[in-house]
Every structure is written in structure tokens, then in C-alpha cells.
PDB file of N, CA and C in Angstrom:
ATOM      1  N   MET A   1      93.953 112.251  79.559  1.00  0.00           N
ATOM      2  CA  MET A   1      93.164 112.911  80.568  1.00  0.00           C
ATOM      3  C   MET A   1      91.805 112.226  80.674  1.00  0.00           C
ATOM      4  N   ALA A   2      91.273 112.218  81.862  1.00  0.00           N
ATOM      5  CA  ALA A   2      89.986 111.579  82.096  1.00  0.00           C
ATOM      6  C   ALA A   2      88.859 112.473  81.618  1.00  0.00           C
ATOM      7  N   LYS A   3      87.876 111.865  80.967  1.00  0.00           N
ATOM      8  CA  LYS A   3      86.759 112.665  80.487  1.00  0.00           C
ATOM      9  C   LYS A   3      85.716 112.815  81.599  1.00  0.00           C
ATOM     10  N   PRO A   4      85.102 113.993  81.737  1.00  0.00           N
ATOM     11  CA  PRO A   4      84.069 114.171  82.761  1.00  0.00           C
ATOM     12  C   PRO A   4      82.788 113.456  82.353  1.00  0.00           C
ATOM     13  N   ARG A   5      82.084 112.956  83.321  1.00  0.00           N
ATOM     14  CA  ARG A   5      80.853 112.225  83.054  1.00  0.00           C
ATOM     15  C   ARG A   5      79.664 113.170  83.202  1.00  0.00           C
ATOM     16  N   GLY A   6      78.783 113.191  82.220  1.00  0.00           N
ATOM     17  CA  GLY A   6      77.563 113.988  82.301  1.00  0.00           C
ATOM     18  C   GLY A   6      77.807 115.479  82.295  1.00  0.00           C
ATOM     19  N   ASN A   7      78.878 115.915  81.679  1.00  0.00           N
ATOM     20  CA  ASN A   7      79.210 117.343  81.611  1.00  0.00           C
ATOM     21  C   ASN A   7      79.222 117.994  82.983  1.00  0.00           C
ATOM     22  N   GLU A   8      79.933 117.355  83.911  1.00  0.00           N
ATOM     23  CA  GLU A   8      80.111 117.848  85.272  1.00  0.00           C
ATOM     24  C   GLU A   8      78.773 118.028  85.982  1.00  0.00           C
ATOM     25  N   HIS A   9      77.922 117.032  85.858  1.00  0.00           N
ATOM     26  CA  HIS A   9      76.598 117.067  86.468  1.00  0.00           C
ATOM     27  C   HIS A   9      76.668 116.975  87.993  1.00  0.00           C
ATOM     28  N   THR A  10      77.542 116.122  88.501  1.00  0.00           N
ATOM     29  CA  THR A  10      77.675 115.928  89.932  1.00  0.00           C
ATOM     30  C   THR A  10      78.852 116.736  90.440  1.00  0.00           C
ATOM     31  N   THR A  11      78.670 117.406  91.562  1.00  0.00           N
ATOM     32  CA  THR A  11      79.758 118.177  92.147  1.00  0.00           C
ATOM     33  C   THR A  11      80.620 117.273  93.011  1.00  0.00           C
ATOM     34  N   LEU A  12      81.785 117.758  93.360  1.00  0.00           N
ATOM     35  CA  LEU A  12      82.703 117.035  94.224  1.00  0.00           C
ATOM     36  C   LEU A  12      82.825 117.754  95.557  1.00  0.00           C
ATOM     37  N   THR A  13      83.011 117.001  96.631  1.00  0.00           N
ATOM     38  CA  THR A  13      83.310 117.620  97.917  1.00  0.00           C
ATOM     39  C   THR A  13      84.734 118.158  97.858  1.00  0.00           C
ATOM     40  N   GLU A  14      85.097 119.005  98.808  1.00  0.00           N
ATOM     41  CA  GLU A  14      86.446 119.566  98.811  1.00  0.00           C
ATOM     42  C   GLU A  14      87.493 118.473  98.978  1.00  0.00           C
ATOM     43  N   THR A  15      87.197 117.485  99.797  1.00  0.00           N
ATOM     44  CA  THR A  15      88.127 116.382 100.015  1.00  0.00           C
ATOM     45  C   THR A  15      88.291 115.554  98.754  1.00  0.00           C
ATOM     46  N   ALA A  16      87.186 115.230  98.096  1.00  0.00           N
ATOM     47  CA  ALA A  16      87.238 114.432  96.868  1.00  0.00           C
ATOM     48  C   ALA A  16      87.897 115.207  95.735  1.00  0.00           C
ATOM     49  N   GLN A  17      87.744 116.509  95.734  1.00  0.00           N
ATOM     50  CA  GLN A  17      88.320 117.330  94.673  1.00  0.00           C
ATOM     51  C   GLN A  17      89.849 117.258  94.683  1.00  0.00           C
ATOM     52  N   GLU A  18      90.444 117.175  95.875  1.00  0.00           N
ATOM     53  CA  GLU A  18      91.901 117.055  95.962  1.00  0.00           C
ATOM     54  C   GLU A  18      92.384 115.758  95.327  1.00  0.00           C
ATOM     55  N   VAL A  19      91.674 114.664  95.588  1.00  0.00           N
ATOM     56  CA  VAL A  19      92.064 113.359  95.052  1.00  0.00           C
ATOM     57  C   VAL A  19      91.842 113.315  93.544  1.00  0.00           C
ATOM     58  N   VAL A  20      90.729 113.875  93.069  1.00  0.00           N
ATOM     59  CA  VAL A  20      90.410 113.842  91.641  1.00  0.00           C
ATOM     60  C   VAL A  20      91.398 114.673  90.831  1.00  0.00           C
ATOM     61  N   ARG A  21      91.882 115.773  91.386  1.00  0.00           N
ATOM     62  CA  ARG A  21      92.892 116.574  90.685  1.00  0.00           C
ATOM     63  C   ARG A  21      94.157 115.762  90.415  1.00  0.00           C
ATOM     64  N   VAL A  22      94.552 114.965  91.391  1.00  0.00           N
ATOM     65  CA  VAL A  22      95.739 114.121  91.222  1.00  0.00           C
ATOM     66  C   VAL A  22      95.440 112.991  90.241  1.00  0.00           C
ATOM     67  N   LEU A  23      94.269 112.372  90.353  1.00  0.00           N
ATOM     68  CA  LEU A  23      93.884 111.268  89.472  1.00  0.00           C
ATOM     69  C   LEU A  23      93.806 111.685  88.010  1.00  0.00           C
ATOM     70  N   ALA A  24      93.319 112.885  87.747  1.00  0.00           N
ATOM     71  CA  ALA A  24      93.124 113.344  86.371  1.00  0.00           C
ATOM     72  C   ALA A  24      94.444 113.459  85.613  1.00  0.00           C
ATOM     73  N   ARG A  25      95.540 113.643  86.328  1.00  0.00           N
ATOM     74  CA  ARG A  25      96.846 113.794  85.681  1.00  0.00           C
ATOM     75  C   ARG A  25      97.593 112.478  85.518  1.00  0.00           C
ATOM     76  N   MET A  26      97.072 111.401  86.079  1.00  0.00           N
ATOM     77  CA  MET A  26      97.764 110.121  86.014  1.00  0.00           C
ATOM     78  C   MET A  26      97.469 109.404  84.701  1.00  0.00           C
ATOM     79  N   PRO A  27      98.489 108.778  84.115  1.00  0.00           N
ATOM     80  CA  PRO A  27      98.244 107.999  82.898  1.00  0.00           C
ATOM     81  C   PRO A  27      97.489 106.714  83.238  1.00  0.00           C
ATOM     82  N   GLY A  28      96.624 106.307  82.339  1.00  0.00           N
ATOM     83  CA  GLY A  28      95.863 105.080  82.547  1.00  0.00           C
ATOM     84  C   GLY A  28      94.460 105.303  83.081  1.00  0.00           C
ATOM     85  N   VAL A  29      94.109 106.536  83.448  1.00  0.00           N
ATOM     86  CA  VAL A  29      92.764 106.829  83.929  1.00  0.00           C
ATOM     87  C   VAL A  29      91.898 107.163  82.723  1.00  0.00           C
ATOM     88  N   LYS A  30      90.861 106.355  82.512  1.00  0.00           N
ATOM     89  CA  LYS A  30      89.995 106.537  81.352  1.00  0.00           C
ATOM     90  C   LYS A  30      88.823 107.461  81.669  1.00  0.00           C
ATOM     91  N   MET A  31      88.215 107.293  82.846  1.00  0.00           N
ATOM     92  CA  MET A  31      87.049 108.105  83.205  1.00  0.00           C
ATOM     93  C   MET A  31      86.950 108.208  84.721  1.00  0.00           C
ATOM     94  N   ILE A  32      86.521 109.377  85.195  1.00  0.00           N
ATOM     95  CA  ILE A  32      86.273 109.611  86.612  1.00  0.00           C
ATOM     96  C   ILE A  32      84.812 110.002  86.746  1.00  0.00           C
ATOM     97  N   ALA A  33      84.059 109.235  87.545  1.00  0.00           N
ATOM     98  CA  ALA A  33      82.624 109.468  87.688  1.00  0.00           C
ATOM     99  C   ALA A  33      82.283 109.716  89.156  1.00  0.00           C
ATOM    100  N   PRO A  34      82.058 110.985  89.551  1.00  0.00           N
ATOM    101  CA  PRO A  34      81.697 111.261  90.942  1.00  0.00           C
ATOM    102  C   PRO A  34      80.292 110.779  91.254  1.00  0.00           C
ATOM    103  N   GLY A  35      80.102 110.349  92.484  1.00  0.00           N
ATOM    104  CA  GLY A  35      78.808 109.824  92.911  1.00  0.00           C
ATOM    105  C   GLY A  35      78.124 110.733  93.912  1.00  0.00           C
ATOM    106  N   GLU A  36      77.140 110.171  94.569  1.00  0.00           N
ATOM    107  CA  GLU A  36      76.293 110.882  95.516  1.00  0.00           C
ATOM    108  C   GLU A  36      77.070 111.276  96.771  1.00  0.00           C
ATOM    109  N   ILE A  37      76.749 112.440  97.322  1.00  0.00           N
ATOM    110  CA  ILE A  37      77.401 112.936  98.533  1.00  0.00           C
ATOM    111  C   ILE A  37      76.485 112.652  99.717  1.00  0.00           C
ATOM    112  N   LYS A  38      77.059 112.054 100.766  1.00  0.00           N
ATOM    113  CA  LYS A  38      76.308 111.776 101.994  1.00  0.00           C
ATOM    114  C   LYS A  38      77.001 112.470 103.150  1.00  0.00           C
ATOM    115  N   THR A  39      76.223 113.087 104.029  1.00  0.00           N
ATOM    116  CA  THR A  39      76.821 113.758 105.175  1.00  0.00           C
ATOM    117  C   THR A  39      77.287 112.722 106.179  1.00  0.00           C
ATOM    118  N   ASN A  40      78.327 113.065 106.903  1.00  0.00           N
ATOM    119  CA  ASN A  40      78.949 112.139 107.837  1.00  0.00           C
ATOM    120  C   ASN A  40      78.990 112.797 109.206  1.00  0.00           C
ATOM    121  N   SER A  41      78.192 112.316 110.120  1.00  0.00           N
ATOM    122  CA  SER A  41      78.168 112.920 111.449  1.00  0.00           C
ATOM    123  C   SER A  41      78.896 112.067 112.478  1.00  0.00           C
ATOM    124  N   LYS A  42      79.365 110.867 112.106  1.00  0.00           N
ATOM    125  CA  LYS A  42      79.994 109.969 113.064  1.00  0.00           C
ATOM    126  C   LYS A  42      81.449 110.324 113.331  1.00  0.00           C
ATOM    127  N   LYS A  43      82.195 110.682 112.303  1.00  0.00           N
ATOM    128  CA  LYS A  43      83.621 110.947 112.448  1.00  0.00           C
ATOM    129  C   LYS A  43      83.875 112.441 112.562  1.00  0.00           C
ATOM    130  N   GLY A  44      85.010 112.770 113.145  1.00  0.00           N
ATOM    131  CA  GLY A  44      85.418 114.161 113.198  1.00  0.00           C
ATOM    132  C   GLY A  44      85.883 114.631 111.844  1.00  0.00           C
ATOM    133  N   SER A  45      85.878 115.924 111.631  1.00  0.00           N
ATOM    134  CA  SER A  45      86.232 116.461 110.321  1.00  0.00           C
ATOM    135  C   SER A  45      87.736 116.570 110.117  1.00  0.00           C
ATOM    136  N   GLY A  46      88.539 116.223 111.129  1.00  0.00           N
ATOM    137  CA  GLY A  46      89.982 116.358 110.999  1.00  0.00           C
ATOM    138  C   GLY A  46      90.644 115.261 110.187  1.00  0.00           C
ATOM    139  N   ASN A  47      90.055 114.078 110.162  1.00  0.00           N
ATOM    140  CA  ASN A  47      90.660 112.949 109.454  1.00  0.00           C
ATOM    141  C   ASN A  47      90.076 112.805 108.062  1.00  0.00           C
ATOM    142  N   ARG A  48      90.953 112.440 107.124  1.00  0.00           N
ATOM    143  CA  ARG A  48      90.530 112.230 105.734  1.00  0.00           C
ATOM    144  C   ARG A  48      90.950 110.832 105.327  1.00  0.00           C
ATOM    145  N   PHE A  49      90.005 110.085 104.796  1.00  0.00           N
ATOM    146  CA  PHE A  49      90.244 108.695 104.444  1.00  0.00           C
ATOM    147  C   PHE A  49      89.918 108.458 102.976  1.00  0.00           C
ATOM    148  N   VAL A  50      90.698 107.589 102.340  1.00  0.00           N
ATOM    149  CA  VAL A  50      90.430 107.123 100.982  1.00  0.00           C
ATOM    150  C   VAL A  50      90.473 105.602 101.029  1.00  0.00           C
ATOM    151  N   THR A  51      89.343 104.979 100.711  1.00  0.00           N
ATOM    152  CA  THR A  51      89.255 103.525 100.692  1.00  0.00           C
ATOM    153  C   THR A  51      89.017 103.078  99.259  1.00  0.00           C
ATOM    154  N   ALA A  52      89.812 102.138  98.778  1.00  0.00           N
ATOM    155  CA  ALA A  52      89.686 101.632  97.415  1.00  0.00           C
ATOM    156  C   ALA A  52      88.972 100.291  97.434  1.00  0.00           C
ATOM    157  N   VAL A  53      87.981 100.158  96.568  1.00  0.00           N
ATOM    158  CA  VAL A  53      87.279  98.900  96.344  1.00  0.00           C
ATOM    159  C   VAL A  53      87.477  98.587  94.866  1.00  0.00           C
ATOM    160  N   TYR A  54      88.165  97.494  94.564  1.00  0.00           N
ATOM    161  CA  TYR A  54      88.502  97.165  93.183  1.00  0.00           C
ATOM    162  C   TYR A  54      87.321  96.509  92.475  1.00  0.00           C
ATOM    163  N   THR A  55      87.056  96.963  91.239  1.00  0.00           N
ATOM    164  CA  THR A  55      85.961  96.445  90.423  1.00  0.00           C
ATOM    165  C   THR A  55      86.531  95.965  89.091  1.00  0.00           C
ATOM    166  N   THR A  56      85.661  95.446  88.231  1.00  0.00           N
ATOM    167  CA  THR A  56      86.122  94.962  86.931  1.00  0.00           C
ATOM    168  C   THR A  56      86.528  96.110  86.011  1.00  0.00           C
ATOM    169  N   ALA A  57      85.955  97.285  86.185  1.00  0.00           N
ATOM    170  CA  ALA A  57      86.277  98.433  85.338  1.00  0.00           C
ATOM    171  C   ALA A  57      87.452  99.239  85.865  1.00  0.00           C
ATOM    172  N   GLY A  58      87.837  99.025  87.092  1.00  0.00           N
ATOM    173  CA  GLY A  58      88.915  99.795  87.691  1.00  0.00           C
ATOM    174  C   GLY A  58      88.811  99.731  89.199  1.00  0.00           C
ATOM    175  N   MET A  59      88.390 100.856  89.800  1.00  0.00           N
ATOM    176  CA  MET A  59      88.195 100.887  91.245  1.00  0.00           C
ATOM    177  C   MET A  59      87.183 101.954  91.617  1.00  0.00           C
ATOM    178  N   GLU A  60      86.625 101.794  92.793  1.00  0.00           N
ATOM    179  CA  GLU A  60      85.700 102.772  93.349  1.00  0.00           C
ATOM    180  C   GLU A  60      86.347 103.306  94.611  1.00  0.00           C
ATOM    181  N   LEU A  61      86.492 104.615  94.696  1.00  0.00           N
ATOM    182  CA  LEU A  61      87.106 105.241  95.854  1.00  0.00           C
ATOM    183  C   LEU A  61      86.024 105.792  96.761  1.00  0.00           C
ATOM    184  N   LEU A  62      86.084 105.450  98.038  1.00  0.00           N
ATOM    185  CA  LEU A  62      85.207 106.046  99.038  1.00  0.00           C
ATOM    186  C   LEU A  62      86.040 107.103  99.749  1.00  0.00           C
ATOM    187  N   ILE A  63      85.727 108.356  99.512  1.00  0.00           N
ATOM    188  CA  ILE A  63      86.518 109.469 100.034  1.00  0.00           C
ATOM    189  C   ILE A  63      85.710 110.132 101.134  1.00  0.00           C
ATOM    190  N   SER A  64      86.266 110.150 102.341  1.00  0.00           N
ATOM    191  CA  SER A  64      85.519 110.715 103.469  1.00  0.00           C
ATOM    192  C   SER A  64      86.339 111.779 104.165  1.00  0.00           C
ATOM    193  N   GLY A  65      85.636 112.743 104.660  1.00  0.00           N
ATOM    194  CA  GLY A  65      86.171 113.863 105.427  1.00  0.00           C
ATOM    195  C   GLY A  65      85.011 114.373 106.250  1.00  0.00           C
ATOM    196  N   GLN A  66      84.481 115.549 105.913  1.00  0.00           N
ATOM    197  CA  GLN A  66      83.264 116.027 106.555  1.00  0.00           C
ATOM    198  C   GLN A  66      82.044 115.284 106.029  1.00  0.00           C
ATOM    199  N   SER A  67      82.132 114.788 104.803  1.00  0.00           N
ATOM    200  CA  SER A  67      81.070 113.988 104.207  1.00  0.00           C
ATOM    201  C   SER A  67      81.716 112.853 103.418  1.00  0.00           C
ATOM    202  N   VAL A  68      80.901 111.932 102.931  1.00  0.00           N
ATOM    203  CA  VAL A  68      81.410 110.759 102.214  1.00  0.00           C
ATOM    204  C   VAL A  68      80.930 110.826 100.777  1.00  0.00           C
ATOM    205  N   GLN A  69      81.841 110.528  99.849  1.00  0.00           N
ATOM    206  CA  GLN A  69      81.482 110.501  98.435  1.00  0.00           C
ATOM    207  C   GLN A  69      82.188 109.340  97.758  1.00  0.00           C
ATOM    208  N   LYS A  70      81.448 108.619  96.914  1.00  0.00           N
ATOM    209  CA  LYS A  70      82.024 107.548  96.112  1.00  0.00           C
ATOM    210  C   LYS A  70      82.423 108.138  94.761  1.00  0.00           C
ATOM    211  N   VAL A  71      83.619 107.791  94.317  1.00  0.00           N
ATOM    212  CA  VAL A  71      84.113 108.227  93.017  1.00  0.00           C
ATOM    213  C   VAL A  71      84.583 106.987  92.261  1.00  0.00           C
ATOM    214  N   ALA A  72      83.932 106.700  91.136  1.00  0.00           N
ATOM    215  CA  ALA A  72      84.314 105.564  90.312  1.00  0.00           C
ATOM    216  C   ALA A  72      85.440 105.986  89.373  1.00  0.00           C
ATOM    217  N   VAL A  73      86.470 105.156  89.279  1.00  0.00           N
ATOM    218  CA  VAL A  73      87.615 105.439  88.425  1.00  0.00           C
ATOM    219  C   VAL A  73      87.773 104.264  87.466  1.00  0.00           C
ATOM    220  N   HIS A  74      87.561 104.514  86.175  1.00  0.00           N
ATOM    221  CA  HIS A  74      87.738 103.493  85.150  1.00  0.00           C
ATOM    222  C   HIS A  74      89.153 103.625  84.617  1.00  0.00           C
ATOM    223  N   THR A  75      89.862 102.501  84.545  1.00  0.00           N
ATOM    224  CA  THR A  75      91.267 102.545  84.164  1.00  0.00           C
ATOM    225  C   THR A  75      91.556 101.635  82.980  1.00  0.00           C
ATOM    226  N   THR A  76      92.666 101.939  82.301  1.00  0.00           N
ATOM    227  CA  THR A  76      93.162 101.056  81.251  1.00  0.00           C
ATOM    228  C   THR A  76      94.354 100.257  81.745  1.00  0.00           C
ATOM    229  N   THR A  77      94.905 100.631  82.895  1.00  0.00           N
ATOM    230  CA  THR A  77      96.035  99.925  83.494  1.00  0.00           C
ATOM    231  C   THR A  77      95.572  99.225  84.771  1.00  0.00           C
ATOM    232  N   ASP A  78      96.496  98.635  85.491  1.00  0.00           N
ATOM    233  CA  ASP A  78      96.188  97.935  86.738  1.00  0.00           C
ATOM    234  C   ASP A  78      95.784  98.943  87.814  1.00  0.00           C
ATOM    235  N   PRO A  79      94.579  98.809  88.388  1.00  0.00           N
ATOM    236  CA  PRO A  79      94.149  99.768  89.408  1.00  0.00           C
ATOM    237  C   PRO A  79      94.956  99.677  90.703  1.00  0.00           C
ATOM    238  N   HIS A  80      95.564  98.525  90.981  1.00  0.00           N
ATOM    239  CA  HIS A  80      96.389  98.395  92.179  1.00  0.00           C
ATOM    240  C   HIS A  80      97.618  99.311  92.096  1.00  0.00           C
ATOM    241  N   GLU A  81      98.227  99.385  90.910  1.00  0.00           N
ATOM    242  CA  GLU A  81      99.379 100.269  90.711  1.00  0.00           C
ATOM    243  C   GLU A  81      98.966 101.740  90.808  1.00  0.00           C
ATOM    244  N   LEU A  82      97.800 102.049  90.289  1.00  0.00           N
ATOM    245  CA  LEU A  82      97.290 103.418  90.350  1.00  0.00           C
ATOM    246  C   LEU A  82      97.052 103.846  91.802  1.00  0.00           C
ATOM    247  N   PHE A  83      96.526 102.928  92.607  1.00  0.00           N
ATOM    248  CA  PHE A  83      96.272 103.230  94.018  1.00  0.00           C
ATOM    249  C   PHE A  83      97.587 103.409  94.775  1.00  0.00           C
ATOM    250  N   LEU A  84      98.603 102.641  94.425  1.00  0.00           N
ATOM    251  CA  LEU A  84      99.922 102.820  95.041  1.00  0.00           C
ATOM    252  C   LEU A  84     100.508 104.187  94.716  1.00  0.00           C
ATOM    253  N   GLN A  85     100.282 104.654  93.492  1.00  0.00           N
ATOM    254  CA  GLN A  85     100.750 105.988  93.116  1.00  0.00           C
ATOM    255  C   GLN A  85     100.014 107.063  93.913  1.00  0.00           C
ATOM    256  N   LEU A  86      98.728 106.847  94.163  1.00  0.00           N
ATOM    257  CA  LEU A  86      97.967 107.799  94.991  1.00  0.00           C
ATOM    258  C   LEU A  86      98.527 107.857  96.405  1.00  0.00           C
ATOM    259  N   GLN A  87      98.839 106.700  96.964  1.00  0.00           N
ATOM    260  CA  GLN A  87      99.342 106.638  98.334  1.00  0.00           C
ATOM    261  C   GLN A  87     100.661 107.379  98.498  1.00  0.00           C
ATOM    262  N   THR A  88     101.487 107.358  97.476  1.00  0.00           N
ATOM    263  CA  THR A  88     102.810 107.972  97.586  1.00  0.00           C
ATOM    264  C   THR A  88     102.858 109.396  97.031  1.00  0.00           C
ATOM    265  N   HIS A  89     101.751 109.926  96.553  1.00  0.00           N
ATOM    266  CA  HIS A  89     101.761 111.268  95.976  1.00  0.00           C
ATOM    267  C   HIS A  89     101.951 112.311  97.077  1.00  0.00           C
ATOM    268  N   LYS A  90     102.769 113.316  96.800  1.00  0.00           N
ATOM    269  CA  LYS A  90     103.118 114.294  97.827  1.00  0.00           C
ATOM    270  C   LYS A  90     101.961 115.203  98.229  1.00  0.00           C
ATOM    271  N   LYS A  91     100.992 115.412  97.356  1.00  0.00           N
ATOM    272  CA  LYS A  91      99.863 116.278  97.691  1.00  0.00           C
ATOM    273  C   LYS A  91      98.812 115.575  98.544  1.00  0.00           C
ATOM    274  N   LEU A  92      98.922 114.259  98.681  1.00  0.00           N
ATOM    275  CA  LEU A  92      97.923 113.494  99.426  1.00  0.00           C
ATOM    276  C   LEU A  92      98.510 112.841 100.671  1.00  0.00           C
ATOM    277  N   LYS A  93      99.521 113.451 101.259  1.00  0.00           N
ATOM    278  CA  LYS A  93     100.160 112.885 102.450  1.00  0.00           C
ATOM    279  C   LYS A  93      99.272 112.957 103.688  1.00  0.00           C
ATOM    280  N   HIS A  94      98.313 113.857 103.733  1.00  0.00           N
ATOM    281  CA  HIS A  94      97.456 114.006 104.906  1.00  0.00           C
ATOM    282  C   HIS A  94      96.228 113.082 104.867  1.00  0.00           C
ATOM    283  N   PHE A  95      96.165 112.184 103.881  1.00  0.00           N
ATOM    284  CA  PHE A  95      95.084 111.213 103.766  1.00  0.00           C
ATOM    285  C   PHE A  95      95.524 109.873 104.350  1.00  0.00           C
ATOM    286  N   HIS A  96      94.564 109.123 104.877  1.00  0.00           N
ATOM    287  CA  HIS A  96      94.792 107.750 105.323  1.00  0.00           C
ATOM    288  C   HIS A  96      94.222 106.834 104.248  1.00  0.00           C
ATOM    289  N   PHE A  97      95.024 105.896 103.747  1.00  0.00           N
ATOM    290  CA  PHE A  97      94.612 105.026 102.653  1.00  0.00           C
ATOM    291  C   PHE A  97      94.414 103.596 103.148  1.00  0.00           C
ATOM    292  N   LYS A  98      93.393 102.925 102.602  1.00  0.00           N
ATOM    293  CA  LYS A  98      93.188 101.508 102.879  1.00  0.00           C
ATOM    294  C   LYS A  98      92.385 100.896 101.735  1.00  0.00           C
ATOM    295  N   THR A  99      92.347  99.580 101.685  1.00  0.00           N
ATOM    296  CA  THR A  99      91.578  98.871 100.667  1.00  0.00           C
ATOM    297  C   THR A  99      90.611  97.919 101.352  1.00  0.00           C
ATOM    298  N   ARG A 100      89.593  97.503 100.612  1.00  0.00           N
ATOM    299  CA  ARG A 100      88.668  96.515 101.146  1.00  0.00           C
ATOM    300  C   ARG A 100      88.091  95.711  99.990  1.00  0.00           C
ATOM    301  N   GLU A 101      87.574  94.561 100.316  1.00  0.00           N
ATOM    302  CA  GLU A 101      86.997  93.676  99.338  1.00  0.00           C
ATOM    303  C   GLU A 101      85.553  94.085  99.052  1.00  0.00           C
ATOM    304  N   ARG A 102      85.124  93.875  97.820  1.00  0.00           N
ATOM    305  CA  ARG A 102      83.729  94.128  97.473  1.00  0.00           C
ATOM    306  C   ARG A 102      82.919  92.946  97.950  1.00  0.00           C
ATOM    307  N   LYS A 103      81.929  93.230  98.787  1.00  0.00           N
ATOM    308  CA  LYS A 103      81.075  92.170  99.323  1.00  0.00           C
ATOM    309  C   LYS A 103      79.656  92.369  98.834  1.00  0.00           C
ATOM    310  N   PRO A 104      78.946  91.303  98.524  1.00  0.00           N
ATOM    311  CA  PRO A 104      77.571  91.442  98.021  1.00  0.00           C
ATOM    312  C   PRO A 104      76.669  92.131  99.043  1.00  0.00           C
ATOM    313  N   GLY A 105      75.874  93.051  98.557  1.00  0.00           N
ATOM    314  CA  GLY A 105      74.906  93.743  99.418  1.00  0.00           C
ATOM    315  C   GLY A 105      75.441  94.973 100.117  1.00  0.00           C
ATOM    316  N   ILE A 106      76.709  95.322  99.887  1.00  0.00           N
ATOM    317  CA  ILE A 106      77.272  96.515 100.557  1.00  0.00           C
ATOM    318  C   ILE A 106      77.524  97.584  99.525  1.00  0.00           C
TER     319      ILE A 106
END
């Protein structure tokens, strides 16, 4: 099970909470670290997106719905396989998944 960072110091948005519940039960997840919440006024609240950015420690998920939140996921296994498991999970069928490259300055 993933250990909480900072004794649950940062809260999760409702959209991010659905993804984190699934992630916490997956083998190979070492730590889940929720980040800052930013309001999103550009997109409608009907669509939910999960974008994976792969890092050396695992991956960073950008989870958007009514607001945007970054969630860092540290893994002991291949993060690409973990993201594939997220895409095919039955509880996350209403999410749109995509990946992107980490670019300097973004």
C-alpha cells in the first residue's frame, strides 16, 4: 500500500480521489503525493482527463475535471505498465487518458 505524504496534509479533489483510490490498491506503488489544486475555468466540468508525465521516480498525473491537480506517483515497477492498468480499470472508464513528454520549463 502507498504511504501518505505529510500525514494527509494536502487534500484531493473529487476527481483525483477516484484515481488515487484505484492507485493505492495496485502493486508497485511506493508513494502517492498529491499536489496543489488549481481552478479550471477553460474546460467544461463534464469531461475528466488524466495525463501521465513519466519521471525518474515514476510518473506525475495531471488530473483535471472542475479543477486541475498534479499527483506524483513513485513506483517500484514500470510506470508505463501501471498507467496501462489505470486505463483498463473498470472504475475509471469515464476518464480520458493520454501521455505527454516532460519538457523543460513546463
